[in-house]
Every structure is written in structure tokens, then in C-alpha cells.
């Protein structure tokens, strides 16, 4: 996510993040997770993230996992945030 400001300034309600916490320490990773969750739940953004960080993936309302060339729902029993 090289320029999150541009995403927010464009009036688009979709944010795409490619490893948005990849080079951050734990505290800043949590800050980014909190910001993205707030944008999704309070401001109505659709936040789509690609990550290898399980902490980031576990914060998602829905997670898809690529395994053996197939895209699968990773958390089918997790309740959606309202």
C-alpha cells in the first residue's frame, strides 16, 4: 500500500493493500489494522488486502486462502462484523 492517502482522496470506496504491514513492527502493524478496520466498519470502505501476516488475516471479516492453485474461504464459520 504505497500511497494510502491517494486511495482516500480519490472518493473511491475500495482500498487495495498489498502487504500493507510488511515492513512494520508490531505496534504499527496494529495501528494499520485498526485504521483499515475503522475505514471498513465505520466509513463503508471495501478493504481488500493481500498478506502473508496471519495477524492481519485474522483481523479480516472474511479471508480467502490460495492453496494448491485453488482459492478457498479460510474462515467459513467466523461471524461477520456489523
C-alpha atoms as a PDB file:
ATOM      1  CA  UNK A   1       0.000   0.000   0.000  1.00  0.00           C
ATOM      2  CA  UNK A   2       2.454   2.644  -1.142  1.00  0.00           C
ATOM      3  CA  UNK A   3       0.119   5.629  -1.016  1.00  0.00           C
ATOM      4  CA  UNK A   4      -2.978   5.197   1.174  1.00  0.00           C
ATOM      5  CA  UNK A   5      -3.624   8.948   1.032  1.00  0.00           C
ATOM      6  CA  UNK A   6      -4.282   8.737  -2.696  1.00  0.00           C
ATOM      7  CA  UNK A   7      -6.818   5.955  -2.103  1.00  0.00           C
ATOM      8  CA  UNK A   8      -8.674   8.051   0.454  1.00  0.00           C
ATOM      9  CA  UNK A   9      -8.536  11.252  -1.613  1.00  0.00           C
ATOM     10  CA  UNK A  10      -9.988   9.660  -4.740  1.00  0.00           C
ATOM     11  CA  UNK A  11     -13.538   9.235  -3.369  1.00  0.00           C
ATOM     12  CA  UNK A  12     -13.364   5.534  -4.299  1.00  0.00           C
ATOM     13  CA  UNK A  13     -14.711   3.281  -1.571  1.00  0.00           C
ATOM     14  CA  UNK A  14     -12.269   0.459  -2.308  1.00  0.00           C
ATOM     15  CA  UNK A  15      -8.800   0.189  -0.786  1.00  0.00           C
ATOM     16  CA  UNK A  16      -6.392  -2.410  -2.139  1.00  0.00           C
ATOM     17  CA  UNK A  17      -3.438  -3.234   0.105  1.00  0.00           C
ATOM     18  CA  UNK A  18      -0.539  -5.426  -0.998  1.00  0.00           C
ATOM     19  CA  UNK A  19       1.278  -6.389   2.226  1.00  0.00           C
ATOM     20  CA  UNK A  20       0.376  -3.068   3.903  1.00  0.00           C
ATOM     21  CA  UNK A  21       2.164  -4.092   7.123  1.00  0.00           C
ATOM     22  CA  UNK A  22       5.063  -5.978   5.547  1.00  0.00           C
ATOM     23  CA  UNK A  23       7.933  -3.905   6.993  1.00  0.00           C
ATOM     24  CA  UNK A  24       6.316  -2.672  10.198  1.00  0.00           C
ATOM     25  CA  UNK A  25       6.859  -3.529  13.839  1.00  0.00           C
ATOM     26  CA  UNK A  26       4.032  -4.990  15.935  1.00  0.00           C
ATOM     27  CA  UNK A  27       2.684  -1.685  17.245  1.00  0.00           C
ATOM     28  CA  UNK A  28       2.499  -0.079  13.804  1.00  0.00           C
ATOM     29  CA  UNK A  29       1.031  -3.250  12.301  1.00  0.00           C
ATOM     30  CA  UNK A  30      -1.784  -2.985  14.845  1.00  0.00           C
ATOM     31  CA  UNK A  31      -2.239   0.718  14.026  1.00  0.00           C
ATOM     32  CA  UNK A  32      -2.688  -0.101  10.323  1.00  0.00           C
ATOM     33  CA  UNK A  33      -5.108  -2.946  11.138  1.00  0.00           C
ATOM     34  CA  UNK A  34      -7.137  -0.570  13.324  1.00  0.00           C
ATOM     35  CA  UNK A  35      -7.223   2.123  10.623  1.00  0.00           C
ATOM     36  CA  UNK A  36      -8.286  -0.313   7.886  1.00  0.00           C
ATOM     37  CA  UNK A  37     -10.966  -1.884  10.120  1.00  0.00           C
ATOM     38  CA  UNK A  38     -12.274   1.568  11.003  1.00  0.00           C
ATOM     39  CA  UNK A  39     -12.459   2.539   7.332  1.00  0.00           C
ATOM     40  CA  UNK A  40     -14.363  -0.653   6.571  1.00  0.00           C
ATOM     41  CA  UNK A  41     -16.762  -0.698   9.509  1.00  0.00           C
ATOM     42  CA  UNK A  42     -17.310   2.993  10.189  1.00  0.00           C
ATOM     43  CA  UNK A  43     -16.794   4.633   6.796  1.00  0.00           C
ATOM     44  CA  UNK A  44     -18.127   1.922   4.475  1.00  0.00           C
ATOM     45  CA  UNK A  45     -14.936   1.161   2.569  1.00  0.00           C
ATOM     46  CA  UNK A  46     -14.289  -2.197   0.952  1.00  0.00           C
ATOM     47  CA  UNK A  47     -10.771  -3.114   2.080  1.00  0.00           C
ATOM     48  CA  UNK A  48      -9.015  -5.885   0.184  1.00  0.00           C
ATOM     49  CA  UNK A  49      -5.615  -6.985   1.460  1.00  0.00           C
ATOM     50  CA  UNK A  50      -3.070  -9.485   0.214  1.00  0.00           C
ATOM     51  CA  UNK A  51      -0.860 -10.636   3.087  1.00  0.00           C
ATOM     52  CA  UNK A  52       1.287 -13.405   4.492  1.00  0.00           C
ATOM     53  CA  UNK A  53       0.842 -11.994   8.009  1.00  0.00           C
ATOM     54  CA  UNK A  54      -1.619 -14.168   9.933  1.00  0.00           C
ATOM     55  CA  UNK A  55      -2.329 -11.359  12.420  1.00  0.00           C
ATOM     56  CA  UNK A  56      -3.558  -9.184   9.572  1.00  0.00           C
ATOM     57  CA  UNK A  57      -5.532 -12.059   8.010  1.00  0.00           C
ATOM     58  CA  UNK A  58      -7.218 -12.899  11.321  1.00  0.00           C
ATOM     59  CA  UNK A  59      -8.476  -9.311  11.631  1.00  0.00           C
ATOM     60  CA  UNK A  60     -10.430  -9.681   8.375  1.00  0.00           C
ATOM     61  CA  UNK A  61     -14.178 -10.182   8.266  1.00  0.00           C
ATOM     62  CA  UNK A  62     -13.640 -12.735   5.520  1.00  0.00           C
ATOM     63  CA  UNK A  63     -10.440 -14.408   4.400  1.00  0.00           C
ATOM     64  CA  UNK A  64      -9.654 -16.347   1.265  1.00  0.00           C
ATOM     65  CA  UNK A  65      -6.597 -18.550   1.045  1.00  0.00           C
ATOM     66  CA  UNK A  66      -4.794 -19.718  -2.049  1.00  0.00           C
ATOM     67  CA  UNK A  67      -3.802 -23.356  -1.618  1.00  0.00           C
ATOM     68  CA  UNK A  68      -2.686 -25.771  -4.313  1.00  0.00           C
ATOM     69  CA  UNK A  69      -3.893 -23.390  -7.004  1.00  0.00           C
ATOM     70  CA  UNK A  70      -7.403 -23.090  -5.529  1.00  0.00           C
ATOM     71  CA  UNK A  71      -8.947 -20.088  -3.807  1.00  0.00           C
ATOM     72  CA  UNK A  72     -10.803 -21.198  -0.668  1.00  0.00           C
ATOM     73  CA  UNK A  73     -12.798 -19.494   2.057  1.00  0.00           C
ATOM     74  CA  UNK A  74     -10.483 -19.663   5.070  1.00  0.00           C
ATOM     75  CA  UNK A  75     -12.930 -18.878   7.878  1.00  0.00           C
ATOM     76  CA  UNK A  76     -16.409 -20.104   6.904  1.00  0.00           C
ATOM     77  CA  UNK A  77     -17.724 -20.093  10.495  1.00  0.00           C
ATOM     78  CA  UNK A  78     -16.442 -16.653  11.537  1.00  0.00           C
ATOM     79  CA  UNK A  79     -19.231 -14.164  12.168  1.00  0.00           C
ATOM     80  CA  UNK A  80     -19.280 -11.041  10.025  1.00  0.00           C
ATOM     81  CA  UNK A  81     -18.779  -7.689  11.804  1.00  0.00           C
ATOM     82  CA  UNK A  82     -21.859  -5.496  11.672  1.00  0.00           C
END
